[in-house]
PDB file of N, CA and C in Angstrom:
ATOM      1  N   MET A   1      62.284  15.874  47.537  1.00  0.00           N
ATOM      2  CA  MET A   1      62.290  15.368  46.103  1.00  0.00           C
ATOM      3  C   MET A   1      62.289  13.946  45.974  1.00  0.00           C
ATOM      4  N   GLY A   2      63.089  13.216  47.452  1.00  0.00           N
ATOM      5  CA  GLY A   2      63.285  11.947  47.373  1.00  0.00           C
ATOM      6  C   GLY A   2      64.564  11.744  47.028  1.00  0.00           C
ATOM      7  N   LEU A   3      65.537  12.167  47.057  1.00  0.00           N
ATOM      8  CA  LEU A   3      66.564  12.201  46.806  1.00  0.00           C
ATOM      9  C   LEU A   3      67.352  11.412  47.592  1.00  0.00           C
ATOM     10  N   GLY A   4      68.672  10.592  47.582  1.00  0.00           N
ATOM     11  CA  GLY A   4      68.951  10.527  48.746  1.00  0.00           C
ATOM     12  C   GLY A   4      70.723  11.251  48.230  1.00  0.00           C
ATOM     13  N   THR A   5      71.554  11.355  49.383  1.00  0.00           N
ATOM     14  CA  THR A   5      72.693  11.743  49.250  1.00  0.00           C
ATOM     15  C   THR A   5      73.325  11.955  48.273  1.00  0.00           C
ATOM     16  N   ALA A   6      73.465  10.424  47.718  1.00  0.00           N
ATOM     17  CA  ALA A   6      74.526  10.341  46.293  1.00  0.00           C
ATOM     18  C   ALA A   6      73.644  10.364  45.032  1.00  0.00           C
ATOM     19  N   GLN A   7      72.804  10.692  44.982  1.00  0.00           N
ATOM     20  CA  GLN A   7      72.014  11.181  43.864  1.00  0.00           C
ATOM     21  C   GLN A   7      71.682  12.477  43.230  1.00  0.00           C
ATOM     22  N   ALA A   8      71.403  12.965  44.995  1.00  0.00           N
ATOM     23  CA  ALA A   8      72.195  14.256  44.735  1.00  0.00           C
ATOM     24  C   ALA A   8      73.142  15.044  44.379  1.00  0.00           C
ATOM     25  N   ALA A   9      74.414  14.414  44.757  1.00  0.00           N
ATOM     26  CA  ALA A   9      75.798  14.336  44.623  1.00  0.00           C
ATOM     27  C   ALA A   9      76.086  14.270  42.791  1.00  0.00           C
ATOM     28  N   GLU A  10      75.444  13.316  42.397  1.00  0.00           N
ATOM     29  CA  GLU A  10      75.284  12.676  40.861  1.00  0.00           C
ATOM     30  C   GLU A  10      75.460  13.711  40.155  1.00  0.00           C
ATOM     31  N   ARG A  11      74.070  14.105  40.187  1.00  0.00           N
ATOM     32  CA  ARG A  11      72.887  15.184  39.522  1.00  0.00           C
ATOM     33  C   ARG A  11      74.007  16.543  39.378  1.00  0.00           C
ATOM     34  N   LEU A  12      74.689  17.291  40.510  1.00  0.00           N
ATOM     35  CA  LEU A  12      75.032  18.599  40.646  1.00  0.00           C
ATOM     36  C   LEU A  12      77.068  18.631  40.462  1.00  0.00           C
ATOM     37  N   HIS A  13      77.131  17.138  40.216  1.00  0.00           N
ATOM     38  CA  HIS A  13      78.349  16.894  39.887  1.00  0.00           C
ATOM     39  C   HIS A  13      79.597  17.444  40.518  1.00  0.00           C
ATOM     40  N   VAL A  14      79.339  16.502  42.116  1.00  0.00           N
ATOM     41  CA  VAL A  14      80.202  17.183  42.977  1.00  0.00           C
ATOM     42  C   VAL A  14      79.750  16.056  43.933  1.00  0.00           C
ATOM     43  N   ASP A  15      81.021  15.774  45.093  1.00  0.00           N
ATOM     44  CA  ASP A  15      80.680  14.512  46.024  1.00  0.00           C
ATOM     45  C   ASP A  15      79.966  14.627  46.903  1.00  0.00           C
ATOM     46  N   THR A  16      79.640  13.532  47.556  1.00  0.00           N
ATOM     47  CA  THR A  16      78.716  13.579  48.637  1.00  0.00           C
ATOM     48  C   THR A  16      78.739  14.386  50.117  1.00  0.00           C
ATOM     49  N   ALA A  17      80.307  14.500  50.283  1.00  0.00           N
ATOM     50  CA  ALA A  17      80.758  15.713  51.451  1.00  0.00           C
ATOM     51  C   ALA A  17      79.927  16.600  51.049  1.00  0.00           C
ATOM     52  N   THR A  18      80.471  17.089  49.914  1.00  0.00           N
ATOM     53  CA  THR A  18      79.278  18.911  49.840  1.00  0.00           C
ATOM     54  C   THR A  18      77.756  18.763  49.794  1.00  0.00           C
ATOM     55  N   ILE A  19      77.254  17.464  49.360  1.00  0.00           N
ATOM     56  CA  ILE A  19      75.998  17.560  49.874  1.00  0.00           C
ATOM     57  C   ILE A  19      75.410  17.686  51.348  1.00  0.00           C
ATOM     58  N   GLU A  20      76.580  16.462  51.984  1.00  0.00           N
ATOM     59  CA  GLU A  20      76.407  16.448  53.457  1.00  0.00           C
ATOM     60  C   GLU A  20      76.302  18.150  54.450  1.00  0.00           C
ATOM     61  N   ALA A  21      77.666  18.683  54.116  1.00  0.00           N
ATOM     62  CA  ALA A  21      78.052  19.798  54.158  1.00  0.00           C
ATOM     63  C   ALA A  21      77.115  21.198  54.256  1.00  0.00           C
ATOM     64  N   LEU A  22      76.335  21.171  53.071  1.00  0.00           N
ATOM     65  CA  LEU A  22      75.211  21.668  53.189  1.00  0.00           C
ATOM     66  C   LEU A  22      73.819  21.438  53.585  1.00  0.00           C
ATOM     67  N   GLU A  23      73.659  20.826  54.025  1.00  0.00           N
ATOM     68  CA  GLU A  23      72.724  20.222  54.576  1.00  0.00           C
ATOM     69  C   GLU A  23      72.724  19.981  56.467  1.00  0.00           C
ATOM     70  N   THR A  24      73.718  19.818  56.865  1.00  0.00           N
ATOM     71  CA  THR A  24      73.956  20.028  57.879  1.00  0.00           C
ATOM     72  C   THR A  24      74.638  21.533  58.393  1.00  0.00           C
ATOM     73  N   GLY A  25      74.961  22.505  57.086  1.00  0.00           N
ATOM     74  CA  GLY A  25      75.478  23.074  57.518  1.00  0.00           C
ATOM     75  C   GLY A  25      76.611  24.011  57.807  1.00  0.00           C
ATOM     76  N   GLN A  26      77.859  23.152  57.553  1.00  0.00           N
ATOM     77  CA  GLN A  26      79.025  23.320  57.643  1.00  0.00           C
ATOM     78  C   GLN A  26      79.931  23.516  56.635  1.00  0.00           C
ATOM     79  N   PHE A  27      79.495  24.801  55.936  1.00  0.00           N
ATOM     80  CA  PHE A  27      79.744  25.923  55.501  1.00  0.00           C
ATOM     81  C   PHE A  27      81.384  25.735  54.791  1.00  0.00           C
ATOM     82  N   ALA A  28      81.893  26.196  56.101  1.00  0.00           N
ATOM     83  CA  ALA A  28      83.730  26.400  55.958  1.00  0.00           C
ATOM     84  C   ALA A  28      84.066  24.977  55.400  1.00  0.00           C
ATOM     85  N   ALA A  29      83.739  23.598  54.970  1.00  0.00           N
ATOM     86  CA  ALA A  29      84.051  22.665  54.208  1.00  0.00           C
ATOM     87  C   ALA A  29      83.952  23.065  52.766  1.00  0.00           C
ATOM     88  N   LEU A  30      82.537  23.926  52.619  1.00  0.00           N
ATOM     89  CA  LEU A  30      82.834  24.263  51.237  1.00  0.00           C
ATOM     90  C   LEU A  30      83.900  25.168  50.593  1.00  0.00           C
ATOM     91  N   GLY A  31      85.010  25.637  51.313  1.00  0.00           N
ATOM     92  CA  GLY A  31      85.557  26.872  51.044  1.00  0.00           C
ATOM     93  C   GLY A  31      85.430  28.054  51.101  1.00  0.00           C
ATOM     94  N   ALA A  32      85.857  29.110  50.158  1.00  0.00           N
ATOM     95  CA  ALA A  32      85.186  30.864  50.119  1.00  0.00           C
ATOM     96  C   ALA A  32      83.436  30.765  49.954  1.00  0.00           C
ATOM     97  N   PRO A  33      83.239  31.936  50.242  1.00  0.00           N
ATOM     98  CA  PRO A  33      81.491  32.093  50.236  1.00  0.00           C
ATOM     99  C   PRO A  33      81.579  31.886  49.140  1.00  0.00           C
ATOM    100  N   VAL A  34      81.722  32.760  48.160  1.00  0.00           N
ATOM    101  CA  VAL A  34      81.253  32.444  46.743  1.00  0.00           C
ATOM    102  C   VAL A  34      81.275  31.046  46.190  1.00  0.00           C
ATOM    103  N   PHE A  35      81.614  29.866  46.552  1.00  0.00           N
ATOM    104  CA  PHE A  35      81.563  28.480  46.146  1.00  0.00           C
ATOM    105  C   PHE A  35      80.223  28.348  47.461  1.00  0.00           C
ATOM    106  N   VAL A  36      80.282  28.529  48.672  1.00  0.00           N
ATOM    107  CA  VAL A  36      79.249  27.734  49.015  1.00  0.00           C
ATOM    108  C   VAL A  36      77.474  28.599  48.637  1.00  0.00           C
ATOM    109  N   ARG A  37      77.784  29.940  48.359  1.00  0.00           N
ATOM    110  CA  ARG A  37      76.494  30.792  47.638  1.00  0.00           C
ATOM    111  C   ARG A  37      76.526  30.032  46.416  1.00  0.00           C
ATOM    112  N   GLY A  38      77.536  29.573  45.510  1.00  0.00           N
ATOM    113  CA  GLY A  38      77.071  28.768  44.204  1.00  0.00           C
ATOM    114  C   GLY A  38      76.420  27.425  45.003  1.00  0.00           C
ATOM    115  N   HIS A  39      77.182  26.580  45.639  1.00  0.00           N
ATOM    116  CA  HIS A  39      76.540  25.174  46.143  1.00  0.00           C
ATOM    117  C   HIS A  39      75.028  25.697  46.552  1.00  0.00           C
ATOM    118  N   LEU A  40      74.699  26.525  46.774  1.00  0.00           N
ATOM    119  CA  LEU A  40      73.436  26.574  47.919  1.00  0.00           C
ATOM    120  C   LEU A  40      72.331  26.506  46.371  1.00  0.00           C
ATOM    121  N   ARG A  41      72.799  27.764  45.607  1.00  0.00           N
ATOM    122  CA  ARG A  41      71.583  27.889  44.389  1.00  0.00           C
ATOM    123  C   ARG A  41      71.448  27.027  43.830  1.00  0.00           C
ATOM    124  N   ARG A  42      72.420  25.870  43.431  1.00  0.00           N
ATOM    125  CA  ARG A  42      72.845  24.809  42.539  1.00  0.00           C
ATOM    126  C   ARG A  42      71.657  23.481  43.481  1.00  0.00           C
ATOM    127  N   TYR A  43      72.101  24.100  44.526  1.00  0.00           N
ATOM    128  CA  TYR A  43      70.852  22.198  45.682  1.00  0.00           C
ATOM    129  C   TYR A  43      69.599  22.887  45.300  1.00  0.00           C
ATOM    130  N   ALA A  44      69.449  24.317  45.639  1.00  0.00           N
ATOM    131  CA  ALA A  44      67.816  24.854  45.720  1.00  0.00           C
ATOM    132  C   ALA A  44      67.385  24.815  44.252  1.00  0.00           C
ATOM    133  N   GLU A  45      68.042  25.015  43.233  1.00  0.00           N
ATOM    134  CA  GLU A  45      67.471  24.557  41.573  1.00  0.00           C
ATOM    135  C   GLU A  45      67.047  23.331  41.775  1.00  0.00           C
ATOM    136  N   LEU A  46      67.873  22.201  42.572  1.00  0.00           N
ATOM    137  CA  LEU A  46      67.797  21.066  42.132  1.00  0.00           C
ATOM    138  C   LEU A  46      66.400  20.702  42.709  1.00  0.00           C
ATOM    139  N   LEU A  47      66.403  20.916  44.084  1.00  0.00           N
ATOM    140  CA  LEU A  47      65.153  20.801  44.763  1.00  0.00           C
ATOM    141  C   LEU A  47      63.781  21.576  44.351  1.00  0.00           C
ATOM    142  N   GLY A  48      63.575  22.080  43.268  1.00  0.00           N
ATOM    143  CA  GLY A  48      62.693  23.468  43.128  1.00  0.00           C
ATOM    144  C   GLY A  48      62.176  23.979  44.150  1.00  0.00           C
ATOM    145  N   GLU A  49      64.029  24.696  45.023  1.00  0.00           N
ATOM    146  CA  GLU A  49      63.614  25.502  45.962  1.00  0.00           C
ATOM    147  C   GLU A  49      63.701  26.915  45.400  1.00  0.00           C
ATOM    148  N   PRO A  50      63.159  28.402  45.804  1.00  0.00           N
ATOM    149  CA  PRO A  50      63.989  29.378  46.027  1.00  0.00           C
ATOM    150  C   PRO A  50      65.098  29.645  46.202  1.00  0.00           C
ATOM    151  N   ASP A  51      65.932  29.575  45.929  1.00  0.00           N
ATOM    152  CA  ASP A  51      67.503  29.983  46.577  1.00  0.00           C
ATOM    153  C   ASP A  51      67.630  31.386  47.148  1.00  0.00           C
ATOM    154  N   GLU A  52      66.562  32.285  46.973  1.00  0.00           N
ATOM    155  CA  GLU A  52      66.782  33.671  47.995  1.00  0.00           C
ATOM    156  C   GLU A  52      66.563  33.523  49.175  1.00  0.00           C
ATOM    157  N   PRO A  53      65.725  32.699  50.119  1.00  0.00           N
ATOM    158  CA  PRO A  53      66.414  32.645  51.255  1.00  0.00           C
ATOM    159  C   PRO A  53      67.197  32.216  52.045  1.00  0.00           C
ATOM    160  N   LEU A  54      67.295  31.489  51.235  1.00  0.00           N
ATOM    161  CA  LEU A  54      68.793  30.373  52.023  1.00  0.00           C
ATOM    162  C   LEU A  54      70.093  31.344  51.288  1.00  0.00           C
ATOM    163  N   GLN A  55      70.227  32.268  50.580  1.00  0.00           N
ATOM    164  CA  GLN A  55      71.038  33.109  50.373  1.00  0.00           C
ATOM    165  C   GLN A  55      71.194  34.009  51.259  1.00  0.00           C
ATOM    166  N   ALA A  56      70.010  34.532  51.759  1.00  0.00           N
ATOM    167  CA  ALA A  56      69.518  35.862  53.011  1.00  0.00           C
ATOM    168  C   ALA A  56      69.981  35.061  54.257  1.00  0.00           C
ATOM    169  N   ARG A  57      69.561  33.518  54.290  1.00  0.00           N
ATOM    170  CA  ARG A  57      69.694  33.116  55.535  1.00  0.00           C
ATOM    171  C   ARG A  57      71.630  33.079  55.446  1.00  0.00           C
ATOM    172  N   TYR A  58      72.012  32.654  54.436  1.00  0.00           N
ATOM    173  CA  TYR A  58      73.819  32.018  54.766  1.00  0.00           C
ATOM    174  C   TYR A  58      74.440  33.217  54.811  1.00  0.00           C
ATOM    175  N   ALA A  59      73.996  34.811  53.884  1.00  0.00           N
ATOM    176  CA  ALA A  59      74.413  35.713  54.373  1.00  0.00           C
ATOM    177  C   ALA A  59      74.416  36.621  55.540  1.00  0.00           C
ATOM    178  N   SER A  60      73.215  36.174  56.348  1.00  0.00           N
ATOM    179  CA  SER A  60      72.751  37.233  58.151  1.00  0.00           C
ATOM    180  C   SER A  60      74.026  35.643  58.751  1.00  0.00           C
ATOM    181  N   THR A  61      73.823  34.598  58.427  1.00  0.00           N
ATOM    182  CA  THR A  61      74.642  33.927  59.764  1.00  0.00           C
ATOM    183  C   THR A  61      76.176  34.117  59.487  1.00  0.00           C
ATOM    184  N   HIS A  62      76.989  33.822  58.420  1.00  0.00           N
ATOM    185  CA  HIS A  62      78.566  33.644  57.835  1.00  0.00           C
ATOM    186  C   HIS A  62      78.869  34.484  57.297  1.00  0.00           C
ATOM    187  N   GLU A  63      78.267  35.438  56.708  1.00  0.00           N
ATOM    188  CA  GLU A  63      79.451  36.679  56.163  1.00  0.00           C
ATOM    189  C   GLU A  63      79.291  37.934  56.613  1.00  0.00           C
ATOM    190  N   ALA A  64      79.463  37.696  57.870  1.00  0.00           N
ATOM    191  CA  ALA A  64      79.587  39.457  58.971  1.00  0.00           C
ATOM    192  C   ALA A  64      80.877  39.343  58.911  1.00  0.00           C
ATOM    193  N   SER A  65      82.082  38.386  58.470  1.00  0.00           N
ATOM    194  CA  SER A  65      83.259  39.163  58.914  1.00  0.00           C
ATOM    195  C   SER A  65      83.443  40.224  57.763  1.00  0.00           C
ATOM    196  N   THR A  66      84.784  40.283  57.693  1.00  0.00           N
ATOM    197  CA  THR A  66      85.363  40.833  56.753  1.00  0.00           C
ATOM    198  C   THR A  66      86.110  41.053  56.210  1.00  0.00           C
ATOM    199  N   PRO A  67      85.671  41.307  54.394  1.00  0.00           N
ATOM    200  CA  PRO A  67      86.235  40.760  53.324  1.00  0.00           C
ATOM    201  C   PRO A  67      87.927  40.899  53.025  1.00  0.00           C
ATOM    202  N   PRO A  68      88.132  39.578  52.405  1.00  0.00           N
ATOM    203  CA  PRO A  68      89.342  40.171  51.990  1.00  0.00           C
ATOM    204  C   PRO A  68      90.050  41.236  51.573  1.00  0.00           C
ATOM    205  N   ASP A  69      91.209  41.414  52.069  1.00  0.00           N
ATOM    206  CA  ASP A  69      92.059  42.701  51.058  1.00  0.00           C
ATOM    207  C   ASP A  69      92.664  42.178  50.097  1.00  0.00           C
ATOM    208  N   LEU A  70      92.204  42.800  49.032  1.00  0.00           N
ATOM    209  CA  LEU A  70      92.279  42.401  47.304  1.00  0.00           C
ATOM    210  C   LEU A  70      93.262  43.308  46.754  1.00  0.00           C
ATOM    211  N   THR A  71      93.605  44.147  47.934  1.00  0.00           N
ATOM    212  CA  THR A  71      94.671  45.092  47.129  1.00  0.00           C
ATOM    213  C   THR A  71      96.074  45.109  47.184  1.00  0.00           C
ATOM    214  N   ARG A  72      96.391  44.206  48.107  1.00  0.00           N
ATOM    215  CA  ARG A  72      97.909  43.528  48.314  1.00  0.00           C
ATOM    216  C   ARG A  72      98.001  42.199  48.063  1.00  0.00           C
ATOM    217  N   VAL A  73      98.328  41.964  46.688  1.00  0.00           N
ATOM    218  CA  VAL A  73      98.228  40.886  45.928  1.00  0.00           C
ATOM    219  C   VAL A  73     100.145  40.429  46.531  1.00  0.00           C
ATOM    220  N   PRO A  74     100.027  39.339  46.753  1.00  0.00           N
ATOM    221  CA  PRO A  74     101.775  38.689  47.366  1.00  0.00           C
ATOM    222  C   PRO A  74     102.535  38.646  45.699  1.00  0.00           C
ATOM    223  N   LEU A  75     103.745  38.960  45.550  1.00  0.00           N
ATOM    224  CA  LEU A  75     104.447  38.943  44.413  1.00  0.00           C
ATOM    225  C   LEU A  75     105.201  37.620  44.571  1.00  0.00           C
ATOM    226  N   ARG A  76     105.324  36.775  43.477  1.00  0.00           N
ATOM    227  CA  ARG A  76     106.219  35.384  43.649  1.00  0.00           C
ATOM    228  C   ARG A  76     107.854  36.374  43.209  1.00  0.00           C
ATOM    229  N   PRO A  77     109.022  35.960  43.813  1.00  0.00           N
ATOM    230  CA  PRO A  77     110.133  36.678  43.830  1.00  0.00           C
ATOM    231  C   PRO A  77     110.874  36.182  42.167  1.00  0.00           C
ATOM    232  N   THR A  78     111.137  37.133  42.180  1.00  0.00           N
ATOM    233  CA  THR A  78     112.264  36.451  40.152  1.00  0.00           C
ATOM    234  C   THR A  78     113.683  35.943  40.735  1.00  0.00           C
ATOM    235  N   PRO A  79     114.005  35.080  40.154  1.00  0.00           N
ATOM    236  CA  PRO A  79     115.626  35.165  40.779  1.00  0.00           C
ATOM    237  C   PRO A  79     116.390  35.899  39.848  1.00  0.00           C
ATOM    238  N   ALA A  80     117.296  36.737  40.261  1.00  0.00           N
ATOM    239  CA  ALA A  80     118.025  37.574  39.743  1.00  0.00           C
ATOM    240  C   ALA A  80     119.565  36.344  38.859  1.00  0.00           C
ATOM    241  N   SER A  81     119.627  35.691  39.439  1.00  0.00           N
ATOM    242  CA  SER A  81     120.780  34.429  38.799  1.00  0.00           C
ATOM    243  C   SER A  81     120.231  33.245  38.643  1.00  0.00           C
ATOM    244  N   PRO A  82     120.944  32.598  38.099  1.00  0.00           N
ATOM    245  CA  PRO A  82     120.965  31.166  38.537  1.00  0.00           C
ATOM    246  C   PRO A  82     122.096  31.027  39.483  1.00  0.00           C
ATOM    247  N   ALA A  83     121.277  29.969  40.357  1.00  0.00           N
ATOM    248  CA  ALA A  83     122.048  29.769  41.601  1.00  0.00           C
ATOM    249  C   ALA A  83     123.790  29.115  41.164  1.00  0.00           C
ATOM    250  N   PRO A  84     124.667  29.332  42.606  1.00  0.00           N
ATOM    251  CA  PRO A  84     125.823  29.187  42.359  1.00  0.00           C
ATOM    252  C   PRO A  84     125.876  27.811  42.133  1.00  0.00           C
ATOM    253  N   ALA A  85     125.305  27.289  42.338  1.00  0.00           N
ATOM    254  CA  ALA A  85     125.527  25.498  42.745  1.00  0.00           C
ATOM    255  C   ALA A  85     125.439  24.963  41.368  1.00  0.00           C
ATOM    256  N   MET A  86     124.478  25.751  40.274  1.00  0.00           N
ATOM    257  CA  MET A  86     124.561  25.947  38.897  1.00  0.00           C
ATOM    258  C   MET A  86     125.645  26.618  38.069  1.00  0.00           C
ATOM    259  N   ARG A  87     126.351  27.342  38.298  1.00  0.00           N
ATOM    260  CA  ARG A  87     127.265  27.805  37.555  1.00  0.00           C
ATOM    261  C   ARG A  87     128.769  27.201  37.624  1.00  0.00           C
ATOM    262  N   TRP A  88     129.103  26.305  38.803  1.00  0.00           N
ATOM    263  CA  TRP A  88     130.049  25.841  38.732  1.00  0.00           C
ATOM    264  C   TRP A  88     130.268  24.483  37.582  1.00  0.00           C
ATOM    265  N   PRO A  89     129.054  24.027  37.069  1.00  0.00           N
ATOM    266  CA  PRO A  89     128.971  22.732  36.242  1.00  0.00           C
ATOM    267  C   PRO A  89     128.889  23.097  34.606  1.00  0.00           C
ATOM    268  N   LEU A  90     129.052  24.921  34.668  1.00  0.00           N
ATOM    269  CA  LEU A  90     128.728  25.349  33.346  1.00  0.00           C
ATOM    270  C   LEU A  90     129.723  25.710  33.178  1.00  0.00           C
ATOM    271  N   ILE A  91     131.151  26.099  34.125  1.00  0.00           N
ATOM    272  CA  ILE A  91     132.223  26.973  34.442  1.00  0.00           C
ATOM    273  C   ILE A  91     133.081  25.603  33.486  1.00  0.00           C
ATOM    274  N   ILE A  92     133.264  24.726  34.204  1.00  0.00           N
ATOM    275  CA  ILE A  92     133.679  23.541  33.929  1.00  0.00           C
ATOM    276  C   ILE A  92     133.535  23.070  32.129  1.00  0.00           C
ATOM    277  N   ALA A  93     132.952  23.089  32.029  1.00  0.00           N
ATOM    278  CA  ALA A  93     132.105  22.482  31.296  1.00  0.00           C
ATOM    279  C   ALA A  93     132.798  23.529  29.734  1.00  0.00           C
ATOM    280  N   ALA A  94     133.013  24.682  30.050  1.00  0.00           N
ATOM    281  CA  ALA A  94     133.029  26.032  29.030  1.00  0.00           C
ATOM    282  C   ALA A  94     134.936  25.714  29.300  1.00  0.00           C
ATOM    283  N   VAL A  95     135.288  25.329  30.408  1.00  0.00           N
ATOM    284  CA  VAL A  95     136.660  25.404  29.985  1.00  0.00           C
ATOM    285  C   VAL A  95     137.217  23.852  29.459  1.00  0.00           C
ATOM    286  N   VAL A  96     136.800  23.040  29.415  1.00  0.00           N
ATOM    287  CA  VAL A  96     136.860  21.651  28.946  1.00  0.00           C
ATOM    288  C   VAL A  96     136.543  21.977  27.280  1.00  0.00           C
ATOM    289  N   LEU A  97     135.882  22.653  26.739  1.00  0.00           N
ATOM    290  CA  LEU A  97     135.557  22.429  25.569  1.00  0.00           C
ATOM    291  C   LEU A  97     136.339  23.201  24.898  1.00  0.00           C
ATOM    292  N   VAL A  98     137.003  24.457  25.638  1.00  0.00           N
ATOM    293  CA  VAL A  98     138.034  25.222  25.610  1.00  0.00           C
ATOM    294  C   VAL A  98     139.539  24.983  24.908  1.00  0.00           C
ATOM    295  N   VAL A  99     139.765  23.847  26.123  1.00  0.00           N
ATOM    296  CA  VAL A  99     140.772  23.063  25.771  1.00  0.00           C
ATOM    297  C   VAL A  99     140.905  22.073  24.936  1.00  0.00           C
ATOM    298  N   ALA A 100     139.445  21.788  24.391  1.00  0.00           N
ATOM    299  CA  ALA A 100     139.694  20.653  23.586  1.00  0.00           C
ATOM    300  C   ALA A 100     139.767  21.108  22.147  1.00  0.00           C
ATOM    301  N   ALA A 101     139.302  22.302  22.413  1.00  0.00           N
ATOM    302  CA  ALA A 101     139.299  23.131  20.589  1.00  0.00           C
ATOM    303  C   ALA A 101     140.629  22.940  20.360  1.00  0.00           C
ATOM    304  N   VAL A 102     140.892  23.548  21.878  1.00  0.00           N
ATOM    305  CA  VAL A 102     142.742  23.999  21.517  1.00  0.00           C
ATOM    306  C   VAL A 102     143.771  22.624  21.029  1.00  0.00           C
ATOM    307  N   ILE A 103     143.327  22.137  22.072  1.00  0.00           N
ATOM    308  CA  ILE A 103     144.233  20.450  21.671  1.00  0.00           C
ATOM    309  C   ILE A 103     143.801  20.138  19.971  1.00  0.00           C
ATOM    310  N   TRP A 104     142.342  20.133  19.844  1.00  0.00           N
ATOM    311  CA  TRP A 104     141.777  19.790  18.383  1.00  0.00           C
ATOM    312  C   TRP A 104     142.720  20.974  17.105  1.00  0.00           C
ATOM    313  N   TRP A 105     143.132  22.063  17.345  1.00  0.00           N
ATOM    314  CA  TRP A 105     143.355  23.030  16.787  1.00  0.00           C
ATOM    315  C   TRP A 105     145.089  22.588  16.337  1.00  0.00           C
ATOM    316  N   ALA A 106     145.890  21.981  17.620  1.00  0.00           N
ATOM    317  CA  ALA A 106     147.075  21.931  17.563  1.00  0.00           C
ATOM    318  C   ALA A 106     147.606  20.786  16.424  1.00  0.00           C
ATOM    319  N   LEU A 107     146.950  19.720  16.735  1.00  0.00           N
ATOM    320  CA  LEU A 107     146.455  18.705  16.536  1.00  0.00           C
ATOM    321  C   LEU A 107     146.431  18.714  14.639  1.00  0.00           C
ATOM    322  N   ARG A 108     144.938  19.354  14.342  1.00  0.00           N
ATOM    323  CA  ARG A 108     145.247  19.754  13.117  1.00  0.00           C
ATOM    324  C   ARG A 108     146.344  20.725  12.139  1.00  0.00           C
ATOM    325  N   ALA A 109     146.823  21.697  13.175  1.00  0.00           N
ATOM    326  CA  ALA A 109     147.820  22.507  12.371  1.00  0.00           C
ATOM    327  C   ALA A 109     148.786  21.786  11.863  1.00  0.00           C
ATOM    328  N   PRO A 110     149.650  21.915  10.783  1.00  0.00           N
ATOM    329  CA  PRO A 110     150.628  21.293  10.135  1.00  0.00           C
ATOM    330  C   PRO A 110     151.890  21.962  10.907  1.00  0.00           C
ATOM    331  N   HIS A 111     152.896  21.261  10.801  1.00  0.00           N
ATOM    332  CA  HIS A 111     154.376  21.326  12.201  1.00  0.00           C
ATOM    333  C   HIS A 111     155.218  22.088  11.377  1.00  0.00           C
ATOM    334  N   ALA A 112     155.487  22.899  11.694  1.00  0.00           N
ATOM    335  CA  ALA A 112     156.867  23.650  10.961  1.00  0.00           C
ATOM    336  C   ALA A 112     158.183  23.599  11.409  1.00  0.00           C
TER     337      ALA A 112
END
């Protein structure tokens, strides 16, 4: 269509490195295969070309690897309790508060 890399990137709302990776076949730079297929589809639409031949060619050369195992999802460990370093300031603050309350009560109470 006579578009430069910058114009194509602007129309597709991607950076020029994405267009260059598509044109040179460096699909690993584009991330997961799902992203590559999306970029190929949008680029073909921009150029007015059917995307099926591009998708088939990409699938035959780059998707022969094993798909990721999505059954094992890593779980983030949940903390059981606050860290020991956080306990000491809380304990000291509680002791100071109790001592201050006892002193205040002793000064306010009438002396017998």
